[in-house]
Amino acid sequence: MKFEQNIHNKIVTVETAQKYSAQWKSAHKSVVFTNGCFDIIHKGHVLYLAKARDLGSKLIVGLNSDASVRRLKGTQRPIKEEESRALTLAAFACVDLVVVFEQDTPLELIKSILPTILVKGKDYEIHEIVGADFVLENGGIVQTIDLEDGFSSSNYINRM
C-alpha cells in the first residue's frame, strides 16, 4: 500500500508542481521538464525518461490529457486513458511528478514551473520546442535527447 500511495502522490496539479519546483530550485536542485502523450509505453519512452532524469535532480513530466491527445492525434487516440497513462509514468523511479495538462501545448505549464532544463527528443530542433524561448530567456537550458530508432506509440498501434 505504501508504494501504491507514493505513485498516486506523484500525480499532481499545476499549482502543486509549481510549489515543488520552487522548493527544489531553492534547495539548489535542477528541475527537468519534458512532456508528451505517452500513450503506449515502450522501450523508447523508458530510455528517454531515464536520460531526461539523468540531466538533473528532479523530473517533472507533463502529460497531455485525453482531450488534448484527441485534438493532436485524432479521434482514435489515446489508446489508454489519462489516468492509466499518468499512473504508468508515476510508477517510474526516475519520474518525480506527473502533471496532466488540457492545452495542446505545455507552454502554460512550463511558464508555471519554470524548469531549469527543458527536454525533448532529437526529432525536434531547439527552435521548434514549445517553451524553449521562455526557458532560455529565464536562464534555463534546452536540450534534446537521442531517441531509440523504430520505437513509437504510433508504430505499435499500426502493428496492432
C-alpha atoms as a PDB file:
ATOM      1  CA  MET A   1       0.000   0.000   0.000  1.00  0.00           C
ATOM      2  CA  LYS A   2       2.890   2.385   0.740  1.00  0.00           C
ATOM      3  CA  PHE A   3       4.341   2.111  -2.787  1.00  0.00           C
ATOM      4  CA  GLU A   4       0.886   2.471  -4.361  1.00  0.00           C
ATOM      5  CA  GLN A   5       0.218   5.638  -2.359  1.00  0.00           C
ATOM      6  CA  ASN A   6       3.582   7.049  -3.435  1.00  0.00           C
ATOM      7  CA  ILE A   7       2.621   6.517  -7.085  1.00  0.00           C
ATOM      8  CA  HIS A   8      -0.682   8.354  -6.618  1.00  0.00           C
ATOM      9  CA  ASN A   9       1.076  11.180  -4.759  1.00  0.00           C
ATOM     10  CA  LYS A  10       3.320  11.829  -7.769  1.00  0.00           C
ATOM     11  CA  ILE A  11       0.314  12.839  -9.915  1.00  0.00           C
ATOM     12  CA  VAL A  12      -0.237  16.481  -9.055  1.00  0.00           C
ATOM     13  CA  THR A  13      -1.937  19.692 -10.139  1.00  0.00           C
ATOM     14  CA  VAL A  14      -0.132  22.516 -11.888  1.00  0.00           C
ATOM     15  CA  GLU A  15      -0.166  24.500  -8.639  1.00  0.00           C
ATOM     16  CA  THR A  16       1.413  21.654  -6.667  1.00  0.00           C
ATOM     17  CA  ALA A  17       4.063  21.129  -9.357  1.00  0.00           C
ATOM     18  CA  GLN A  18       4.829  24.853  -9.212  1.00  0.00           C
ATOM     19  CA  LYS A  19       5.338  24.653  -5.428  1.00  0.00           C
ATOM     20  CA  TYR A  20       7.608  21.594  -5.676  1.00  0.00           C
ATOM     21  CA  SER A  21       9.617  23.159  -8.481  1.00  0.00           C
ATOM     22  CA  ALA A  22      10.192  26.329  -6.453  1.00  0.00           C
ATOM     23  CA  GLN A  23      11.173  24.310  -3.348  1.00  0.00           C
ATOM     24  CA  TRP A  24      13.587  22.127  -5.293  1.00  0.00           C
ATOM     25  CA  LYS A  25      15.207  25.086  -7.038  1.00  0.00           C
ATOM     26  CA  SER A  26      15.585  26.951  -3.734  1.00  0.00           C
ATOM     27  CA  ALA A  27      17.401  23.830  -2.466  1.00  0.00           C
ATOM     28  CA  HIS A  28      19.762  24.146  -5.495  1.00  0.00           C
ATOM     29  CA  LYS A  29      18.287  21.159  -7.318  1.00  0.00           C
ATOM     30  CA  SER A  30      17.838  21.280 -11.068  1.00  0.00           C
ATOM     31  CA  VAL A  31      14.308  20.663 -12.326  1.00  0.00           C
ATOM     32  CA  VAL A  32      13.999  18.848 -15.652  1.00  0.00           C
ATOM     33  CA  PHE A  33      10.750  19.029 -17.609  1.00  0.00           C
ATOM     34  CA  THR A  34       9.527  17.020 -20.562  1.00  0.00           C
ATOM     35  CA  ASN A  35       6.114  16.299 -21.963  1.00  0.00           C
ATOM     36  CA  GLY A  36       4.172  14.049 -24.266  1.00  0.00           C
ATOM     37  CA  CYS A  37       1.176  11.785 -24.780  1.00  0.00           C
ATOM     38  CA  PHE A  38       2.926   8.600 -23.556  1.00  0.00           C
ATOM     39  CA  ASP A  39       0.060   6.528 -24.933  1.00  0.00           C
ATOM     40  CA  ILE A  40       1.614   3.076 -25.256  1.00  0.00           C
ATOM     41  CA  ILE A  41       4.732   2.962 -23.070  1.00  0.00           C
ATOM     42  CA  HIS A  42       7.631   1.220 -24.798  1.00  0.00           C
ATOM     43  CA  LYS A  43      11.417   0.897 -24.660  1.00  0.00           C
ATOM     44  CA  GLY A  44      11.892   4.292 -26.303  1.00  0.00           C
ATOM     45  CA  HIS A  45       9.860   6.019 -23.585  1.00  0.00           C
ATOM     46  CA  VAL A  46      11.637   4.205 -20.774  1.00  0.00           C
ATOM     47  CA  LEU A  47      15.100   5.146 -22.024  1.00  0.00           C
ATOM     48  CA  TYR A  48      14.031   8.685 -22.912  1.00  0.00           C
ATOM     49  CA  LEU A  49      12.688   9.331 -19.396  1.00  0.00           C
ATOM     50  CA  ALA A  50      15.794   7.847 -17.775  1.00  0.00           C
ATOM     51  CA  LYS A  51      18.043  10.038 -19.950  1.00  0.00           C
ATOM     52  CA  ALA A  52      15.946  13.104 -19.141  1.00  0.00           C
ATOM     53  CA  ARG A  53      16.188  12.430 -15.396  1.00  0.00           C
ATOM     54  CA  ASP A  54      19.958  11.966 -15.673  1.00  0.00           C
ATOM     55  CA  LEU A  55      20.216  15.600 -16.815  1.00  0.00           C
ATOM     56  CA  GLY A  56      19.121  16.979 -13.458  1.00  0.00           C
ATOM     57  CA  SER A  57      17.958  16.391  -9.901  1.00  0.00           C
ATOM     58  CA  LYS A  58      14.186  16.113 -10.400  1.00  0.00           C
ATOM     59  CA  LEU A  59      11.993  15.192 -13.383  1.00  0.00           C
ATOM     60  CA  ILE A  60       8.520  16.584 -13.982  1.00  0.00           C
ATOM     61  CA  VAL A  61       6.538  15.040 -16.841  1.00  0.00           C
ATOM     62  CA  GLY A  62       3.727  16.996 -18.471  1.00  0.00           C
ATOM     63  CA  LEU A  63       1.106  14.568 -19.796  1.00  0.00           C
ATOM     64  CA  ASN A  64      -1.390  15.551 -22.483  1.00  0.00           C
ATOM     65  CA  SER A  65      -4.976  14.994 -21.321  1.00  0.00           C
ATOM     66  CA  ASP A  66      -7.231  12.636 -23.272  1.00  0.00           C
ATOM     67  CA  ALA A  67      -8.949  15.594 -24.972  1.00  0.00           C
ATOM     68  CA  SER A  68      -5.594  17.101 -25.905  1.00  0.00           C
ATOM     69  CA  VAL A  69      -4.367  13.803 -27.375  1.00  0.00           C
ATOM     70  CA  ARG A  70      -7.558  13.505 -29.461  1.00  0.00           C
ATOM     71  CA  ARG A  71      -7.030  17.008 -30.848  1.00  0.00           C
ATOM     72  CA  LEU A  72      -3.394  16.253 -31.689  1.00  0.00           C
ATOM     73  CA  LYS A  73      -3.554  12.619 -32.827  1.00  0.00           C
ATOM     74  CA  GLY A  74      -7.162  12.065 -33.945  1.00  0.00           C
ATOM     75  CA  THR A  75     -10.332  10.553 -32.540  1.00  0.00           C
ATOM     76  CA  GLN A  76      -8.895   7.032 -32.236  1.00  0.00           C
ATOM     77  CA  ARG A  77      -6.334   8.172 -29.675  1.00  0.00           C
ATOM     78  CA  PRO A  78      -5.382   7.868 -26.945  1.00  0.00           C
ATOM     79  CA  ILE A  79      -5.494   4.103 -26.617  1.00  0.00           C
ATOM     80  CA  LYS A  80      -5.043   4.331 -22.841  1.00  0.00           C
ATOM     81  CA  GLU A  81      -6.977   6.887 -20.800  1.00  0.00           C
ATOM     82  CA  GLU A  82      -5.066   9.624 -18.988  1.00  0.00           C
ATOM     83  CA  GLU A  83      -5.386   8.031 -15.527  1.00  0.00           C
ATOM     84  CA  SER A  84      -3.661   4.853 -16.757  1.00  0.00           C
ATOM     85  CA  ARG A  85      -1.021   6.834 -18.600  1.00  0.00           C
ATOM     86  CA  ALA A  86      -0.377   9.038 -15.555  1.00  0.00           C
ATOM     87  CA  LEU A  87      -0.134   6.063 -13.174  1.00  0.00           C
ATOM     88  CA  THR A  88       2.257   4.269 -15.512  1.00  0.00           C
ATOM     89  CA  LEU A  89       4.554   7.305 -15.668  1.00  0.00           C
ATOM     90  CA  ALA A  90       4.327   7.868 -11.903  1.00  0.00           C
ATOM     91  CA  ALA A  91       5.451   4.280 -11.288  1.00  0.00           C
ATOM     92  CA  PHE A  92       8.860   5.035 -12.813  1.00  0.00           C
ATOM     93  CA  ALA A  93      11.517   5.767 -10.194  1.00  0.00           C
ATOM     94  CA  CYS A  94      13.085   8.378 -12.487  1.00  0.00           C
ATOM     95  CA  VAL A  95       9.851  10.415 -12.594  1.00  0.00           C
ATOM     96  CA  ASP A  96       9.264  12.722  -9.633  1.00  0.00           C
ATOM     97  CA  LEU A  97       5.964  14.340 -10.680  1.00  0.00           C
ATOM     98  CA  VAL A  98       3.341  13.915 -13.399  1.00  0.00           C
ATOM     99  CA  VAL A  99       1.067  16.811 -14.346  1.00  0.00           C
ATOM    100  CA  VAL A 100      -1.840  16.344 -16.761  1.00  0.00           C
ATOM    101  CA  PHE A 101      -2.474  19.413 -18.911  1.00  0.00           C
ATOM    102  CA  GLU A 102      -5.514  20.191 -21.063  1.00  0.00           C
ATOM    103  CA  GLN A 103      -3.952  22.548 -23.617  1.00  0.00           C
ATOM    104  CA  ASP A 104      -2.490  21.371 -26.916  1.00  0.00           C
ATOM    105  CA  THR A 105       0.951  22.546 -25.805  1.00  0.00           C
ATOM    106  CA  PRO A 106       2.627  22.602 -22.390  1.00  0.00           C
ATOM    107  CA  LEU A 107       3.558  26.299 -22.633  1.00  0.00           C
ATOM    108  CA  GLU A 108       1.451  27.448 -19.676  1.00  0.00           C
ATOM    109  CA  LEU A 109       2.738  24.555 -17.562  1.00  0.00           C
ATOM    110  CA  ILE A 110       6.333  25.384 -18.496  1.00  0.00           C
ATOM    111  CA  LYS A 111       5.767  29.034 -17.584  1.00  0.00           C
ATOM    112  CA  SER A 112       4.267  27.957 -14.276  1.00  0.00           C
ATOM    113  CA  ILE A 113       7.035  25.600 -13.134  1.00  0.00           C
ATOM    114  CA  LEU A 114       9.937  27.334 -14.939  1.00  0.00           C
ATOM    115  CA  PRO A 115      12.169  24.284 -15.256  1.00  0.00           C
ATOM    116  CA  THR A 116      15.931  24.520 -15.101  1.00  0.00           C
ATOM    117  CA  ILE A 117      16.200  22.173 -18.080  1.00  0.00           C
ATOM    118  CA  LEU A 118      13.600  21.667 -20.827  1.00  0.00           C
ATOM    119  CA  VAL A 119      13.976  18.391 -22.729  1.00  0.00           C
ATOM    120  CA  LYS A 120      12.539  16.918 -25.919  1.00  0.00           C
ATOM    121  CA  GLY A 121      13.644  14.216 -28.334  1.00  0.00           C
ATOM    122  CA  LYS A 122      16.162  14.910 -31.078  1.00  0.00           C
ATOM    123  CA  ASP A 123      13.325  14.751 -33.589  1.00  0.00           C
ATOM    124  CA  TYR A 124      12.812  18.401 -32.574  1.00  0.00           C
ATOM    125  CA  GLU A 125      15.065  21.335 -33.349  1.00  0.00           C
ATOM    126  CA  ILE A 126      15.559  23.692 -30.395  1.00  0.00           C
ATOM    127  CA  HIS A 127      13.564  26.448 -32.145  1.00  0.00           C
ATOM    128  CA  GLU A 128      10.629  24.004 -32.563  1.00  0.00           C
ATOM    129  CA  ILE A 129      10.378  23.118 -28.873  1.00  0.00           C
ATOM    130  CA  VAL A 130       7.414  24.752 -27.175  1.00  0.00           C
ATOM    131  CA  GLY A 131       8.624  26.915 -24.301  1.00  0.00           C
ATOM    132  CA  ALA A 132      12.273  26.901 -25.370  1.00  0.00           C
ATOM    133  CA  ASP A 133      12.422  30.688 -25.759  1.00  0.00           C
ATOM    134  CA  PHE A 134      10.838  31.206 -22.346  1.00  0.00           C
ATOM    135  CA  VAL A 135      13.204  28.788 -20.580  1.00  0.00           C
ATOM    136  CA  LEU A 136      16.275  30.271 -22.282  1.00  0.00           C
ATOM    137  CA  GLU A 137      15.179  33.850 -21.506  1.00  0.00           C
ATOM    138  CA  ASN A 138      14.921  32.864 -17.838  1.00  0.00           C
ATOM    139  CA  GLY A 139      18.411  31.362 -17.624  1.00  0.00           C
ATOM    140  CA  GLY A 140      17.477  27.738 -18.234  1.00  0.00           C
ATOM    141  CA  ILE A 141      18.785  25.136 -20.644  1.00  0.00           C
ATOM    142  CA  VAL A 142      17.005  23.456 -23.560  1.00  0.00           C
ATOM    143  CA  GLN A 143      18.334  20.081 -24.570  1.00  0.00           C
ATOM    144  CA  THR A 144      17.417  17.305 -26.980  1.00  0.00           C
ATOM    145  CA  ILE A 145      17.904  13.611 -26.303  1.00  0.00           C
ATOM    146  CA  ASP A 146      18.630  10.795 -28.760  1.00  0.00           C
ATOM    147  CA  LEU A 147      15.609   8.599 -29.429  1.00  0.00           C
ATOM    148  CA  GLU A 148      15.567   4.841 -29.912  1.00  0.00           C
ATOM    149  CA  ASP A 149      15.152   4.129 -33.633  1.00  0.00           C
ATOM    150  CA  GLY A 150      11.930   2.399 -34.592  1.00  0.00           C
ATOM    151  CA  PHE A 151      10.130   2.887 -31.289  1.00  0.00           C
ATOM    152  CA  SER A 152       6.981   4.979 -31.260  1.00  0.00           C
ATOM    153  CA  SER A 153       3.455   4.501 -29.968  1.00  0.00           C
ATOM    154  CA  SER A 154       2.113   5.101 -33.490  1.00  0.00           C
ATOM    155  CA  ASN A 155       4.287   2.263 -34.854  1.00  0.00           C
ATOM    156  CA  TYR A 156       2.997  -0.126 -32.179  1.00  0.00           C
ATOM    157  CA  ILE A 157      -0.617   0.905 -32.764  1.00  0.00           C
ATOM    158  CA  ASN A 158      -0.270   0.440 -36.519  1.00  0.00           C
ATOM    159  CA  ARG A 159       1.180  -3.046 -35.980  1.00  0.00           C
ATOM    160  CA  MET A 160      -1.756  -3.999 -33.758  1.00  0.00           C
END
